[in-house]
Protein backbone atom coordinates (compact mmCIF):
# COMPACT_ATOMS: atom_id res chain seq x y z
CA MET A 1 21.54 -36.81 37.82
CA LEU A 2 20.99 -33.96 35.37
CA ARG A 3 17.22 -34.31 35.72
CA ALA A 4 17.52 -33.99 39.49
CA VAL A 5 19.66 -30.87 39.21
CA LEU A 6 17.22 -29.39 36.71
CA LYS A 7 14.33 -30.01 39.11
CA LEU A 8 16.26 -28.34 41.93
CA CYS A 9 17.13 -25.27 39.80
CA CYS A 10 13.61 -24.89 38.49
CA GLY A 11 12.43 -24.69 42.07
CA ILE A 12 14.36 -21.46 42.65
CA THR A 13 11.93 -18.58 42.92
CA TYR A 14 12.10 -15.38 40.85
CA PRO A 15 13.20 -13.13 43.79
CA HIS A 16 16.17 -15.44 44.37
CA LEU A 17 17.14 -15.11 40.73
CA ARG A 18 17.05 -11.32 40.97
CA SER A 19 19.34 -11.34 44.01
CA MET A 20 21.98 -13.53 42.39
CA ALA A 21 25.49 -12.18 41.93
CA GLY A 22 26.82 -11.83 38.41
CA LEU A 23 28.86 -15.03 38.52
CA GLN A 24 25.88 -17.07 39.71
CA ARG A 25 23.70 -15.66 36.93
CA ALA A 26 26.34 -16.45 34.35
CA ALA A 27 26.56 -20.03 35.66
CA LEU A 28 22.81 -20.46 35.46
CA ALA A 29 22.79 -19.04 31.93
CA ALA A 30 25.52 -21.47 30.86
CA PHE A 31 23.57 -24.31 32.46
CA GLY A 32 20.49 -23.28 30.53
CA GLN A 33 22.44 -23.26 27.26
CA GLU A 34 23.69 -26.78 27.94
CA ILE A 35 20.15 -28.00 28.59
CA ALA A 36 18.97 -26.36 25.36
CA HIS A 37 21.80 -28.11 23.52
CA LEU A 38 20.80 -31.50 24.93
CA GLN A 39 17.18 -30.83 24.07
CA SER A 40 18.05 -29.98 20.47
CA ARG A 41 19.88 -33.32 20.18
CA GLY A 42 16.84 -35.17 21.46
CA GLN A 43 18.62 -36.30 24.64
CA MET A 44 16.33 -34.43 27.01
CA ALA A 45 12.70 -33.33 27.00
CA LEU A 46 11.68 -30.32 29.04
CA PRO A 47 8.59 -30.66 31.23
CA ALA A 48 5.67 -28.41 30.42
CA TRP A 49 6.16 -26.45 33.66
CA SER A 50 9.81 -25.65 32.95
CA PRO A 51 10.74 -21.90 33.09
CA LEU A 52 12.94 -22.58 30.07
CA ARG A 53 9.81 -23.42 28.10
CA TRP A 54 8.22 -20.20 29.30
CA THR A 55 11.22 -18.18 28.10
CA GLU A 56 11.21 -19.92 24.72
CA LYS A 57 7.50 -19.25 24.31
CA ALA A 58 7.93 -15.57 25.24
CA VAL A 59 10.67 -15.17 22.61
CA GLU A 60 8.46 -16.79 19.96
CA GLN A 61 5.56 -14.50 20.86
CA ARG A 62 7.80 -11.43 20.75
CA THR A 63 9.18 -12.41 17.35
CA ALA A 64 5.67 -12.98 16.01
CA ALA A 65 4.54 -9.59 17.35
CA LEU A 66 7.43 -7.81 15.66
CA ALA A 67 6.72 -9.59 12.39
CA ASP A 68 3.04 -8.59 12.58
CA GLU A 69 4.04 -4.96 13.23
CA ASP A 70 6.33 -4.94 10.20
CA VAL A 71 3.60 -6.41 8.04
CA PHE A 72 1.18 -3.75 9.30
CA TYR A 73 3.48 -0.88 8.27
CA LEU A 74 4.34 -2.48 4.94
CA LYS A 75 0.68 -2.98 4.02
CA GLN A 76 -0.22 0.50 5.24
CA GLY A 77 2.52 2.07 3.11
CA GLU A 78 1.52 0.14 0.01
CA ALA A 79 -2.17 0.92 0.52
CA ALA A 80 -1.42 4.63 1.01
CA LEU A 81 0.56 4.77 -2.24
CA ASN A 82 -2.10 2.94 -4.23
CA GLU A 83 -4.90 5.11 -2.88
CA ALA A 84 -2.94 8.32 -3.53
CA LEU A 85 -2.22 7.26 -7.10
CA LYS A 86 -5.93 6.76 -7.71
CA ILE A 87 -6.53 10.33 -6.59
CA VAL A 88 -3.68 12.00 -8.46
CA GLU A 89 -4.25 10.08 -11.69
CA SER A 90 -8.00 10.69 -11.80
CA GLU A 91 -8.99 13.25 -14.42
CA ASP A 92 -12.22 14.60 -12.98
CA GLY A 93 -12.62 17.53 -10.63
CA TRP A 94 -9.20 19.19 -10.87
CA LYS A 95 -9.10 22.98 -11.04
CA LEU A 96 -6.13 25.26 -11.60
CA GLU A 97 -5.02 26.80 -8.32
CA THR A 98 -1.81 28.66 -9.26
CA ALA A 99 0.56 28.89 -12.21
CA GLU A 100 4.13 30.02 -11.49
CA LYS A 101 6.39 31.89 -13.92
CA ASN A 102 8.88 29.02 -13.86
CA GLY A 103 6.27 26.66 -15.29
CA ASP A 104 5.16 25.02 -12.04
CA VAL A 105 1.41 24.54 -11.73
CA ILE A 106 -0.77 23.55 -8.79
CA TYR A 107 -4.23 22.07 -9.18
CA SER A 108 -6.80 21.45 -6.46
CA LYS A 109 -9.65 19.02 -6.03
CA VAL A 110 -12.29 18.50 -3.36
CA LEU A 111 -12.66 14.93 -2.13
CA THR A 112 -15.55 13.30 -0.34
CA GLY A 113 -15.86 14.84 3.10
CA ASN A 114 -14.91 18.29 1.80
CA ARG A 115 -11.16 17.60 2.03
CA LYS A 116 -9.25 19.68 -0.49
CA VAL A 117 -6.10 18.17 -1.98
CA PHE A 118 -3.42 19.77 -4.13
CA ARG A 119 -1.39 18.42 -7.05
CA LEU A 120 1.83 20.18 -7.98
CA GLU A 121 3.52 19.54 -11.33
CA ALA A 122 7.06 20.71 -12.04
CA GLU A 123 10.28 19.86 -13.86
CA LEU A 124 13.44 19.35 -11.82
CA ASN A 125 17.06 19.21 -12.88
CA ALA A 126 17.76 15.74 -11.49
CA SER A 127 17.04 12.15 -12.43
CA PRO A 128 14.35 10.14 -10.61
CA GLU A 129 17.10 8.10 -8.94
CA GLU A 130 18.79 11.24 -7.55
CA LEU A 131 15.50 12.58 -6.25
CA HIS A 132 14.69 9.19 -4.77
CA LYS A 133 17.87 9.36 -2.68
CA ILE A 134 17.22 12.91 -1.49
CA LEU A 135 13.51 12.57 -0.73
CA PHE A 136 13.47 9.03 0.67
CA PHE A 137 16.78 7.44 1.57
CA ARG A 138 18.24 10.69 2.92
CA VAL A 139 15.02 12.02 4.38
CA GLU A 140 16.67 12.76 7.75
CA GLU A 141 18.81 15.40 6.02
CA MET A 142 15.80 17.32 4.73
CA HIS A 143 16.00 19.97 7.45
CA GLU A 144 19.42 20.96 6.10
CA TRP A 145 17.92 22.41 2.92
CA ASN A 146 14.26 22.94 3.81
CA PRO A 147 13.85 25.61 6.54
CA SER A 148 10.19 24.68 7.07
CA ILE A 149 11.30 21.42 8.70
CA ARG A 150 12.86 21.33 12.14
CA HIS A 151 13.78 17.66 11.99
CA ILE A 152 12.78 14.29 10.58
CA LYS A 153 13.84 11.10 12.34
CA VAL A 154 13.43 7.56 11.05
CA LEU A 155 11.97 5.55 13.93
CA LYS A 156 11.71 2.21 12.17
CA HIS A 157 12.83 0.57 8.94
CA VAL A 158 10.75 -2.19 7.37
CA GLY A 159 12.99 -3.59 4.68
CA ARG A 160 14.53 -1.13 2.26
CA ASN A 161 11.40 0.55 0.94
CA THR A 162 9.22 1.26 3.99
CA MET A 163 9.88 3.34 7.10
CA VAL A 164 8.15 5.08 9.97
CA THR A 165 9.21 8.69 10.56
CA HIS A 166 8.55 11.46 13.03
CA GLU A 167 8.63 14.96 11.57
CA VAL A 168 8.45 18.32 13.32
CA SER A 169 7.86 21.50 11.34
CA SER A 170 9.72 24.72 12.08
CA GLU A 171 8.37 27.92 13.55
CA THR A 172 9.29 29.96 10.50
CA THR A 173 8.20 33.46 9.61
CA GLY A 174 5.14 33.41 7.40
CA ASN A 175 4.10 29.92 8.46
CA LEU A 176 0.32 30.37 8.46
CA ILE A 177 -0.43 26.92 9.86
CA GLY A 178 1.98 26.98 12.79
CA GLN A 179 4.22 24.27 14.18
CA ARG A 180 3.02 20.69 13.75
CA ASP A 181 4.39 17.21 14.19
CA PHE A 182 3.67 14.18 12.02
CA LEU A 183 3.99 10.45 12.57
CA SER A 184 3.99 8.82 9.15
CA VAL A 185 4.66 5.62 7.28
CA ARG A 186 6.62 6.22 4.06
CA HIS A 187 6.85 3.74 1.21
CA SER A 188 8.70 3.77 -2.10
CA SER A 189 8.27 1.72 -5.24
CA LYS A 190 9.93 1.67 -8.65
CA ARG A 191 8.15 0.56 -11.79
CA GLU A 192 10.15 0.68 -15.00
CA SER A 193 11.63 4.19 -15.16
CA ARG A 194 9.25 5.75 -12.65
CA VAL A 195 9.75 6.12 -8.91
CA TYR A 196 6.76 6.41 -6.58
CA LEU A 197 6.85 7.70 -3.02
CA GLY A 198 3.74 7.31 -0.87
CA GLY A 199 2.81 7.99 2.71
CA ALA A 200 0.13 8.37 5.32
CA ALA A 201 -0.32 9.07 9.01
CA THR A 202 0.30 6.05 11.22
CA ARG A 203 0.46 5.08 14.88
CA LEU A 204 3.27 4.00 17.18
CA GLU A 205 2.65 3.18 20.84
CA SER A 206 6.06 4.48 21.87
CA LEU A 207 5.37 7.92 20.37
CA PRO A 208 1.92 9.27 21.24
CA PRO A 209 1.06 12.92 20.46
CA GLN A 210 3.66 15.18 22.04
CA PRO A 211 2.89 18.00 24.52
CA GLY A 212 3.22 21.41 22.91
CA PHE A 213 2.53 20.15 19.37
CA VAL A 214 -0.56 19.70 17.28
CA ARG A 215 -0.25 16.32 15.58
CA ALA A 216 -1.32 16.75 11.99
CA GLU A 217 -2.15 13.85 9.69
CA ASP A 218 -1.10 13.47 6.09
CA GLY A 219 -2.18 11.05 3.46
CA PRO A 220 -2.76 9.23 1.53
CA THR A 221 -0.19 11.28 -0.34
CA CYS A 222 2.34 10.55 -3.05
CA ILE A 223 5.13 11.84 -5.28
CA ILE A 224 5.71 10.58 -8.82
CA LEU A 225 9.18 10.94 -10.36
CA GLN A 226 9.38 10.34 -14.10
CA PRO A 227 12.30 11.04 -16.44
CA LEU A 228 11.62 13.44 -19.30
CA GLN A 229 11.44 11.61 -22.59
CA ASP A 230 14.01 13.80 -24.35
CA ARG A 231 16.15 14.55 -21.25
CA PRO A 232 16.33 11.55 -18.90
CA GLU A 233 18.67 13.44 -16.56
CA ARG A 234 15.71 15.67 -15.67
CA SER A 235 12.44 14.63 -14.04
CA ARG A 236 8.78 15.42 -14.11
CA PHE A 237 7.81 15.93 -10.48
CA ILE A 238 4.17 15.36 -9.45
CA TRP A 239 3.22 15.79 -5.80
CA LEU A 240 -0.17 15.10 -4.28
CA LEU A 241 -0.50 16.96 -0.97
CA ASN A 242 -3.32 15.60 1.16
CA MET A 243 -3.19 16.86 4.75
CA ASP A 244 -5.38 17.38 7.78
CA VAL A 245 -3.54 20.03 9.82
CA LYS A 246 -5.88 19.60 12.84
CA GLY A 247 -6.27 22.41 15.35
CA TRP A 248 -8.75 25.29 15.16
CA LEU A 249 -7.79 26.95 11.90
CA PRO A 250 -10.25 28.33 9.34
CA GLN A 251 -10.36 26.04 6.33
CA SER A 252 -9.93 29.04 4.04
CA LEU A 253 -6.57 29.75 5.70
CA VAL A 254 -5.48 26.13 5.39
CA ASN A 255 -6.43 26.02 1.70
CA LYS A 256 -4.30 29.09 1.13
CA ALA A 257 -1.31 27.83 3.10
CA LEU A 258 -0.96 24.33 1.66
CA PRO A 259 -0.28 25.23 -2.01
CA ARG A 260 2.11 27.90 -0.78
CA ALA A 261 3.93 25.23 1.23
CA GLN A 262 4.20 23.12 -1.93
CA ALA A 263 5.67 26.02 -3.91
CA ASP A 264 8.15 26.80 -1.11
CA PHE A 265 9.22 23.16 -0.82
CA THR A 266 9.88 22.93 -4.55
CA LYS A 267 11.89 26.16 -4.43
CA HIS A 268 14.09 24.83 -1.63
CA LEU A 269 14.50 21.50 -3.43
CA ARG A 270 15.69 23.29 -6.56
CA ARG A 271 18.28 25.16 -4.50
CA ARG A 272 19.44 21.88 -3.01
CA LEU A 273 19.82 20.36 -6.47
CA ALA A 274 21.66 23.43 -7.80
CA ALA A 275 24.12 23.30 -4.90
CA GLN A 276 24.66 19.57 -5.46
CA ASN A 277 25.22 20.01 -9.20
CA SER A 278 27.67 22.85 -8.55
CA GLU A 279 29.59 20.70 -6.08
CA ASN A 280 29.71 17.79 -8.51
CA SER A 281 31.02 20.01 -11.30
CA ARG A 282 33.95 21.11 -9.14
CA CYS A 283 34.95 17.54 -8.33
């Protein structure tokens, strides 16, 4: 009897299903669940033409697609970090760009293809773990202390250490590059006492380049956070900035603006840490 009813229900066309009232749809859904239960117990085999098989196959394909997408972002984040570390840890080709009074230094290097990258080195009054929270886990709050950023939104999490973000820069006074948006994969890794943050431009079908913005591309880029040997509550901060700002800007202007952006970012980060330390001391 159940087989006959199944055959009758499977003969219902898609338009009829769409026109069903809520109660009818609920009944059909319950019926489908009962069939699935019988099938799982081996009491009923579904024919190859059954719509229930089609639905099950679609779910499996969707799950596989999501898993592949996650693997793509995870591998891209790991590859970006590894490639950036090769660049920042290489000893050849670096030239001093600027030296600040507070001890911060910025070096530059020209890569294959005439891309100029910048490496900032500084000391910050925070542990690597604290900086990890601020720069990675609480990245969506960055606009609150960095006026050069309009907003950062996490679009996708892949586990705990990889994410896809959309960032829009602010139209601030003195911004030589102009407003840009970025679609990036970000990845973090911890090895012994060091924390590594890496990233690179990525793609996401649901967020193509936005009207009114120039979509810049960063990466591979990275930040290395290492505790000072004599003061583990402070960190050595190394930041490789590797960016293609796109648009029609003279390269000389870009090469002037990027190290300035690094210096400004570090200044704002220090203010954020000072405010946090002051708040903690009052508690």
